[in-house]
């Protein structure tokens, strides 16, 4: 059992672009990998919180920092 389930999500075409550029995968390889994984809908169904990662790395860092301060740190502070 988990105290908090977080899903980080980006639009499909952006995920494909990032994997092609950052991991030197072909679009076909990326699509095959994505097809073997849980769908966005399945992930959202079990998530307590969804973070959209459709901006810059700095945007994501800010969202994670906010999440840490508002949700995770209070969980860790519990006796």
PDB file of N, CA and C in Angstrom:
ATOM      1  N   UNK A   1       0.844  -1.178   0.000  1.00  0.00           N
ATOM      2  CA  UNK A   1       0.000   0.000   0.000  1.00  0.00           C
ATOM      3  C   UNK A   1       0.888   1.240   0.000  1.00  0.00           C
ATOM      4  N   UNK A   2       0.551   2.201  -0.810  1.00  0.00           N
ATOM      5  CA  UNK A   2       1.355   3.404  -0.963  1.00  0.00           C
ATOM      6  C   UNK A   2       0.601   4.607  -0.418  1.00  0.00           C
ATOM      7  N   UNK A   3       1.326   5.517   0.200  1.00  0.00           N
ATOM      8  CA  UNK A   3       0.712   6.718   0.756  1.00  0.00           C
ATOM      9  C   UNK A   3       0.269   7.682  -0.340  1.00  0.00           C
ATOM     10  N   UNK A   4       0.972   7.678  -1.453  1.00  0.00           N
ATOM     11  CA  UNK A   4       0.676   8.613  -2.531  1.00  0.00           C
ATOM     12  C   UNK A   4       1.199   8.041  -3.842  1.00  0.00           C
ATOM     13  N   UNK A   5       0.347   7.963  -4.841  1.00  0.00           N
ATOM     14  CA  UNK A   5       0.759   7.495  -6.166  1.00  0.00           C
ATOM     15  C   UNK A   5       0.734   8.688  -7.107  1.00  0.00           C
ATOM     16  N   UNK A   6       1.894   8.949  -7.716  1.00  0.00           N
ATOM     17  CA  UNK A   6       2.052  10.101  -8.597  1.00  0.00           C
ATOM     18  C   UNK A   6       2.358   9.609 -10.001  1.00  0.00           C
ATOM     19  N   UNK A   7       1.650  10.155 -10.968  1.00  0.00           N
ATOM     20  CA  UNK A   7       1.898   9.861 -12.375  1.00  0.00           C
ATOM     21  C   UNK A   7       2.417  11.137 -13.016  1.00  0.00           C
ATOM     22  N   UNK A   8       3.510  11.010 -13.765  1.00  0.00           N
ATOM     23  CA  UNK A   8       4.032  12.125 -14.548  1.00  0.00           C
ATOM     24  C   UNK A   8       3.703  11.817 -15.999  1.00  0.00           C
ATOM     25  N   UNK A   9       3.020  12.742 -16.636  1.00  0.00           N
ATOM     26  CA  UNK A   9       2.461  12.479 -17.957  1.00  0.00           C
ATOM     27  C   UNK A   9       2.803  13.621 -18.911  1.00  0.00           C
ATOM     28  N   UNK A  10       2.957  13.259 -20.174  1.00  0.00           N
ATOM     29  CA  UNK A  10       3.160  14.245 -21.238  1.00  0.00           C
ATOM     30  C   UNK A  10       2.352  13.792 -22.443  1.00  0.00           C
ATOM     31  N   UNK A  11       2.020  14.710 -23.333  1.00  0.00           N
ATOM     32  CA  UNK A  11       1.305  14.304 -24.540  1.00  0.00           C
ATOM     33  C   UNK A  11       2.107  13.256 -25.324  1.00  0.00           C
ATOM     34  N   UNK A  12       1.397  12.343 -25.951  1.00  0.00           N
ATOM     35  CA  UNK A  12       2.043  11.225 -26.645  1.00  0.00           C
ATOM     36  C   UNK A  12       3.099  11.685 -27.647  1.00  0.00           C
ATOM     37  N   UNK A  13       2.783  12.650 -28.470  1.00  0.00           N
ATOM     38  CA  UNK A  13       3.744  13.089 -29.486  1.00  0.00           C
ATOM     39  C   UNK A  13       4.990  13.702 -28.857  1.00  0.00           C
ATOM     40  N   UNK A  14       4.846  14.365 -27.727  1.00  0.00           N
ATOM     41  CA  UNK A  14       6.001  14.924 -27.031  1.00  0.00           C
ATOM     42  C   UNK A  14       6.853  13.809 -26.435  1.00  0.00           C
ATOM     43  N   UNK A  15       6.226  12.783 -25.886  1.00  0.00           N
ATOM     44  CA  UNK A  15       6.990  11.637 -25.365  1.00  0.00           C
ATOM     45  C   UNK A  15       7.787  10.988 -26.484  1.00  0.00           C
ATOM     46  N   UNK A  16       7.148  10.818 -27.626  1.00  0.00           N
ATOM     47  CA  UNK A  16       7.841  10.208 -28.764  1.00  0.00           C
ATOM     48  C   UNK A  16       9.031  11.067 -29.167  1.00  0.00           C
ATOM     49  N   UNK A  17       8.806  12.356 -29.309  1.00  0.00           N
ATOM     50  CA  UNK A  17       9.879  13.270 -29.696  1.00  0.00           C
ATOM     51  C   UNK A  17      11.046  13.196 -28.713  1.00  0.00           C
ATOM     52  N   UNK A  18      10.749  13.210 -27.430  1.00  0.00           N
ATOM     53  CA  UNK A  18      11.807  13.181 -26.415  1.00  0.00           C
ATOM     54  C   UNK A  18      12.611  11.888 -26.477  1.00  0.00           C
ATOM     55  N   UNK A  19      11.939  10.759 -26.630  1.00  0.00           N
ATOM     56  CA  UNK A  19      12.663   9.490 -26.678  1.00  0.00           C
ATOM     57  C   UNK A  19      13.483   9.353 -27.948  1.00  0.00           C
ATOM     58  N   UNK A  20      12.971   9.833 -29.057  1.00  0.00           N
ATOM     59  CA  UNK A  20      13.733   9.793 -30.309  1.00  0.00           C
ATOM     60  C   UNK A  20      14.987  10.659 -30.173  1.00  0.00           C
ATOM     61  N   UNK A  21      14.827  11.851 -29.628  1.00  0.00           N
ATOM     62  CA  UNK A  21      15.953  12.781 -29.514  1.00  0.00           C
ATOM     63  C   UNK A  21      16.925  12.417 -28.398  1.00  0.00           C
ATOM     64  N   UNK A  22      16.410  12.035 -27.236  1.00  0.00           N
ATOM     65  CA  UNK A  22      17.264  11.840 -26.063  1.00  0.00           C
ATOM     66  C   UNK A  22      17.842  10.439 -25.937  1.00  0.00           C
ATOM     67  N   UNK A  23      17.165   9.454 -26.499  1.00  0.00           N
ATOM     68  CA  UNK A  23      17.628   8.069 -26.342  1.00  0.00           C
ATOM     69  C   UNK A  23      17.948   7.399 -27.664  1.00  0.00           C
ATOM     70  N   UNK A  24      17.948   8.181 -28.715  1.00  0.00           N
ATOM     71  CA  UNK A  24      18.291   7.668 -30.045  1.00  0.00           C
ATOM     72  C   UNK A  24      17.455   6.461 -30.447  1.00  0.00           C
ATOM     73  N   UNK A  25      16.194   6.469 -30.075  1.00  0.00           N
ATOM     74  CA  UNK A  25      15.277   5.405 -30.477  1.00  0.00           C
ATOM     75  C   UNK A  25      14.567   5.838 -31.752  1.00  0.00           C
ATOM     76  N   UNK A  26      14.118   4.864 -32.533  1.00  0.00           N
ATOM     77  CA  UNK A  26      13.292   5.192 -33.683  1.00  0.00           C
ATOM     78  C   UNK A  26      11.863   5.406 -33.210  1.00  0.00           C
ATOM     79  N   UNK A  27      11.080   6.078 -34.027  1.00  0.00           N
ATOM     80  CA  UNK A  27       9.678   6.275 -33.669  1.00  0.00           C
ATOM     81  C   UNK A  27       8.976   4.933 -33.512  1.00  0.00           C
ATOM     82  N   UNK A  28       9.319   3.970 -34.348  1.00  0.00           N
ATOM     83  CA  UNK A  28       8.704   2.647 -34.256  1.00  0.00           C
ATOM     84  C   UNK A  28       9.048   1.969 -32.932  1.00  0.00           C
ATOM     85  N   UNK A  29      10.300   2.095 -32.489  1.00  0.00           N
ATOM     86  CA  UNK A  29      10.705   1.519 -31.206  1.00  0.00           C
ATOM     87  C   UNK A  29       9.941   2.172 -30.053  1.00  0.00           C
ATOM     88  N   UNK A  30       9.805   3.472 -30.128  1.00  0.00           N
ATOM     89  CA  UNK A  30       9.086   4.195 -29.075  1.00  0.00           C
ATOM     90  C   UNK A  30       7.631   3.748 -29.029  1.00  0.00           C
ATOM     91  N   UNK A  31       6.993   3.688 -30.180  1.00  0.00           N
ATOM     92  CA  UNK A  31       5.580   3.292 -30.218  1.00  0.00           C
ATOM     93  C   UNK A  31       5.395   1.856 -29.720  1.00  0.00           C
ATOM     94  N   UNK A  32       6.331   0.964 -30.041  1.00  0.00           N
ATOM     95  CA  UNK A  32       6.245  -0.419 -29.556  1.00  0.00           C
ATOM     96  C   UNK A  32       6.383  -0.457 -28.039  1.00  0.00           C
ATOM     97  N   UNK A  33       7.296   0.320 -27.505  1.00  0.00           N
ATOM     98  CA  UNK A  33       7.478   0.371 -26.046  1.00  0.00           C
ATOM     99  C   UNK A  33       6.216   0.904 -25.377  1.00  0.00           C
ATOM    100  N   UNK A  34       5.669   1.970 -25.924  1.00  0.00           N
ATOM    101  CA  UNK A  34       4.472   2.567 -25.340  1.00  0.00           C
ATOM    102  C   UNK A  34       3.290   1.606 -25.406  1.00  0.00           C
ATOM    103  N   UNK A  35       3.196   0.845 -26.479  1.00  0.00           N
ATOM    104  CA  UNK A  35       2.083  -0.101 -26.632  1.00  0.00           C
ATOM    105  C   UNK A  35       2.145  -1.223 -25.602  1.00  0.00           C
ATOM    106  N   UNK A  36       3.347  -1.520 -25.096  1.00  0.00           N
ATOM    107  CA  UNK A  36       3.497  -2.603 -24.120  1.00  0.00           C
ATOM    108  C   UNK A  36       3.281  -2.132 -22.680  1.00  0.00           C
ATOM    109  N   UNK A  37       3.093  -0.840 -22.500  1.00  0.00           N
ATOM    110  CA  UNK A  37       2.944  -0.272 -21.162  1.00  0.00           C
ATOM    111  C   UNK A  37       1.486   0.052 -20.865  1.00  0.00           C
ATOM    112  N   UNK A  38       1.231   0.370 -19.615  1.00  0.00           N
ATOM    113  CA  UNK A  38      -0.113   0.803 -19.213  1.00  0.00           C
ATOM    114  C   UNK A  38      -0.482   2.069 -19.978  1.00  0.00           C
ATOM    115  N   UNK A  39      -1.755   2.207 -20.274  1.00  0.00           N
ATOM    116  CA  UNK A  39      -2.221   3.402 -20.974  1.00  0.00           C
ATOM    117  C   UNK A  39      -2.281   4.585 -20.013  1.00  0.00           C
ATOM    118  N   UNK A  40      -2.388   5.767 -20.582  1.00  0.00           N
ATOM    119  CA  UNK A  40      -2.541   6.963 -19.747  1.00  0.00           C
ATOM    120  C   UNK A  40      -3.769   6.832 -18.854  1.00  0.00           C
ATOM    121  N   UNK A  41      -4.849   6.329 -19.415  1.00  0.00           N
ATOM    122  CA  UNK A  41      -6.087   6.169 -18.643  1.00  0.00           C
ATOM    123  C   UNK A  41      -5.894   5.197 -17.482  1.00  0.00           C
ATOM    124  N   UNK A  42      -5.170   4.103 -17.720  1.00  0.00           N
ATOM    125  CA  UNK A  42      -4.906   3.134 -16.651  1.00  0.00           C
ATOM    126  C   UNK A  42      -4.047   3.757 -15.558  1.00  0.00           C
ATOM    127  N   UNK A  43      -3.058   4.524 -15.947  1.00  0.00           N
ATOM    128  CA  UNK A  43      -2.200   5.182 -14.956  1.00  0.00           C
ATOM    129  C   UNK A  43      -2.999   6.186 -14.128  1.00  0.00           C
ATOM    130  N   UNK A  44      -3.806   6.997 -14.822  1.00  0.00           N
ATOM    131  CA  UNK A  44      -4.608   8.000 -14.114  1.00  0.00           C
ATOM    132  C   UNK A  44      -5.584   7.360 -13.135  1.00  0.00           C
ATOM    133  N   UNK A  45      -6.091   6.188 -13.489  1.00  0.00           N
ATOM    134  CA  UNK A  45      -7.085   5.516 -12.643  1.00  0.00           C
ATOM    135  C   UNK A  45      -6.519   5.146 -11.275  1.00  0.00           C
ATOM    136  N   UNK A  46      -5.225   4.906 -11.190  1.00  0.00           N
ATOM    137  CA  UNK A  46      -4.626   4.522  -9.909  1.00  0.00           C
ATOM    138  C   UNK A  46      -3.891   5.681  -9.235  1.00  0.00           C
ATOM    139  N   UNK A  47      -3.786   6.804  -9.926  1.00  0.00           N
ATOM    140  CA  UNK A  47      -3.009   7.934  -9.412  1.00  0.00           C
ATOM    141  C   UNK A  47      -3.794   8.761  -8.409  1.00  0.00           C
ATOM    142  N   UNK A  48      -3.079   9.224  -7.404  1.00  0.00           N
ATOM    143  CA  UNK A  48      -3.623  10.228  -6.494  1.00  0.00           C
ATOM    144  C   UNK A  48      -3.398  11.627  -7.067  1.00  0.00           C
ATOM    145  N   UNK A  49      -2.362  11.743  -7.883  1.00  0.00           N
ATOM    146  CA  UNK A  49      -1.973  13.040  -8.423  1.00  0.00           C
ATOM    147  C   UNK A  49      -1.309  12.833  -9.774  1.00  0.00           C
ATOM    148  N   UNK A  50      -1.618  13.697 -10.726  1.00  0.00           N
ATOM    149  CA  UNK A  50      -0.995  13.655 -12.047  1.00  0.00           C
ATOM    150  C   UNK A  50      -0.247  14.968 -12.259  1.00  0.00           C
ATOM    151  N   UNK A  51       1.024  14.856 -12.616  1.00  0.00           N
ATOM    152  CA  UNK A  51       1.833  16.020 -12.956  1.00  0.00           C
ATOM    153  C   UNK A  51       1.981  16.040 -14.470  1.00  0.00           C
ATOM    154  N   UNK A  52       1.619  17.148 -15.083  1.00  0.00           N
ATOM    155  CA  UNK A  52       1.804  17.286 -16.525  1.00  0.00           C
ATOM    156  C   UNK A  52       3.233  17.737 -16.804  1.00  0.00           C
ATOM    157  N   UNK A  53       3.900  17.018 -17.684  1.00  0.00           N
ATOM    158  CA  UNK A  53       5.282  17.307 -18.048  1.00  0.00           C
ATOM    159  C   UNK A  53       5.325  17.709 -19.522  1.00  0.00           C
ATOM    160  N   UNK A  54       4.621  18.779 -19.840  1.00  0.00           N
ATOM    161  CA  UNK A  54       4.563  19.216 -21.234  1.00  0.00           C
ATOM    162  C   UNK A  54       5.301  20.530 -21.462  1.00  0.00           C
ATOM    163  N   UNK A  55       6.101  20.920 -20.473  1.00  0.00           N
ATOM    164  CA  UNK A  55       6.870  22.155 -20.588  1.00  0.00           C
ATOM    165  C   UNK A  55       8.357  21.868 -20.535  1.00  0.00           C
ATOM    166  N   UNK A  56       9.080  22.803 -19.983  1.00  0.00           N
ATOM    167  CA  UNK A  56      10.534  22.673 -19.872  1.00  0.00           C
ATOM    168  C   UNK A  56      10.905  21.819 -18.659  1.00  0.00           C
ATOM    169  N   UNK A  57      12.168  21.461 -18.599  1.00  0.00           N
ATOM    170  CA  UNK A  57      12.670  20.731 -17.433  1.00  0.00           C
ATOM    171  C   UNK A  57      12.484  21.579 -16.175  1.00  0.00           C
ATOM    172  N   UNK A  58      12.690  22.873 -16.297  1.00  0.00           N
ATOM    173  CA  UNK A  58      12.522  23.771 -15.144  1.00  0.00           C
ATOM    174  C   UNK A  58      11.072  23.800 -14.687  1.00  0.00           C
ATOM    175  N   UNK A  59      10.125  23.771 -15.628  1.00  0.00           N
ATOM    176  CA  UNK A  59       8.711  23.716 -15.259  1.00  0.00           C
ATOM    177  C   UNK A  59       8.424  22.462 -14.438  1.00  0.00           C
ATOM    178  N   UNK A  60       8.984  21.340 -14.861  1.00  0.00           N
ATOM    179  CA  UNK A  60       8.786  20.087 -14.133  1.00  0.00           C
ATOM    180  C   UNK A  60       9.423  20.165 -12.751  1.00  0.00           C
ATOM    181  N   UNK A  61      10.620  20.721 -12.671  1.00  0.00           N
ATOM    182  CA  UNK A  61      11.282  20.863 -11.371  1.00  0.00           C
ATOM    183  C   UNK A  61      10.442  21.702 -10.411  1.00  0.00           C
ATOM    184  N   UNK A  62       9.849  22.779 -10.908  1.00  0.00           N
ATOM    185  CA  UNK A  62       8.993  23.614 -10.055  1.00  0.00           C
ATOM    186  C   UNK A  62       7.775  22.834  -9.570  1.00  0.00           C
ATOM    187  N   UNK A  63       7.169  22.059 -10.470  1.00  0.00           N
ATOM    188  CA  UNK A  63       5.994  21.269 -10.085  1.00  0.00           C
ATOM    189  C   UNK A  63       6.363  20.233  -9.029  1.00  0.00           C
ATOM    190  N   UNK A  64       7.524  19.606  -9.185  1.00  0.00           N
ATOM    191  CA  UNK A  64       7.964  18.599  -8.216  1.00  0.00           C
ATOM    192  C   UNK A  64       8.306  19.260  -6.885  1.00  0.00           C
ATOM    193  N   UNK A  65       8.959  20.409  -6.921  1.00  0.00           N
ATOM    194  CA  UNK A  65       9.256  21.135  -5.678  1.00  0.00           C
ATOM    195  C   UNK A  65       7.972  21.481  -4.931  1.00  0.00           C
ATOM    196  N   UNK A  66       6.980  21.950  -5.660  1.00  0.00           N
ATOM    197  CA  UNK A  66       5.699  22.289  -5.042  1.00  0.00           C
ATOM    198  C   UNK A  66       5.041  21.047  -4.454  1.00  0.00           C
ATOM    199  N   UNK A  67       5.064  19.962  -5.198  1.00  0.00           N
ATOM    200  CA  UNK A  67       4.511  18.695  -4.715  1.00  0.00           C
ATOM    201  C   UNK A  67       5.219  18.261  -3.437  1.00  0.00           C
ATOM    202  N   UNK A  68       6.531  18.368  -3.431  1.00  0.00           N
ATOM    203  CA  UNK A  68       7.295  17.977  -2.246  1.00  0.00           C
ATOM    204  C   UNK A  68       6.846  18.786  -1.032  1.00  0.00           C
ATOM    205  N   UNK A  69       6.782  20.083  -1.177  1.00  0.00           N
ATOM    206  CA  UNK A  69       6.431  20.942  -0.051  1.00  0.00           C
ATOM    207  C   UNK A  69       4.999  20.729   0.428  1.00  0.00           C
ATOM    208  N   UNK A  70       4.074  20.555  -0.513  1.00  0.00           N
ATOM    209  CA  UNK A  70       2.660  20.493  -0.148  1.00  0.00           C
ATOM    210  C   UNK A  70       2.171  19.098   0.231  1.00  0.00           C
ATOM    211  N   UNK A  71       2.744  18.062  -0.361  1.00  0.00           N
ATOM    212  CA  UNK A  71       2.177  16.725  -0.160  1.00  0.00           C
ATOM    213  C   UNK A  71       3.143  15.716   0.457  1.00  0.00           C
ATOM    214  N   UNK A  72       4.384  15.698  -0.001  1.00  0.00           N
ATOM    215  CA  UNK A  72       5.303  14.643   0.450  1.00  0.00           C
ATOM    216  C   UNK A  72       5.934  14.985   1.790  1.00  0.00           C
ATOM    217  N   UNK A  73       6.448  16.186   1.928  1.00  0.00           N
ATOM    218  CA  UNK A  73       7.078  16.567   3.193  1.00  0.00           C
ATOM    219  C   UNK A  73       6.130  16.388   4.380  1.00  0.00           C
ATOM    220  N   UNK A  74       4.865  16.803   4.273  1.00  0.00           N
ATOM    221  CA  UNK A  74       3.949  16.561   5.401  1.00  0.00           C
ATOM    222  C   UNK A  74       3.774  15.071   5.716  1.00  0.00           C
ATOM    223  N   UNK A  75       3.809  14.215   4.711  1.00  0.00           N
ATOM    224  CA  UNK A  75       3.708  12.772   4.976  1.00  0.00           C
ATOM    225  C   UNK A  75       4.920  12.274   5.756  1.00  0.00           C
ATOM    226  N   UNK A  76       6.086  12.792   5.405  1.00  0.00           N
ATOM    227  CA  UNK A  76       7.311  12.365   6.084  1.00  0.00           C
ATOM    228  C   UNK A  76       7.387  12.903   7.505  1.00  0.00           C
ATOM    229  N   UNK A  77       6.727  14.001   7.762  1.00  0.00           N
ATOM    230  CA  UNK A  77       6.766  14.621   9.089  1.00  0.00           C
ATOM    231  C   UNK A  77       5.841  13.942  10.090  1.00  0.00           C
ATOM    232  N   UNK A  78       5.004  13.047   9.610  1.00  0.00           N
ATOM    233  CA  UNK A  78       4.089  12.346  10.530  1.00  0.00           C
ATOM    234  C   UNK A  78       4.875  11.447  11.472  1.00  0.00           C
ATOM    235  N   UNK A  79       4.408  11.349  12.721  1.00  0.00           N
ATOM    236  CA  UNK A  79       5.102  10.460  13.680  1.00  0.00           C
ATOM    237  C   UNK A  79       4.899   8.994  13.344  1.00  0.00           C
TER     238      UNK A  79
END
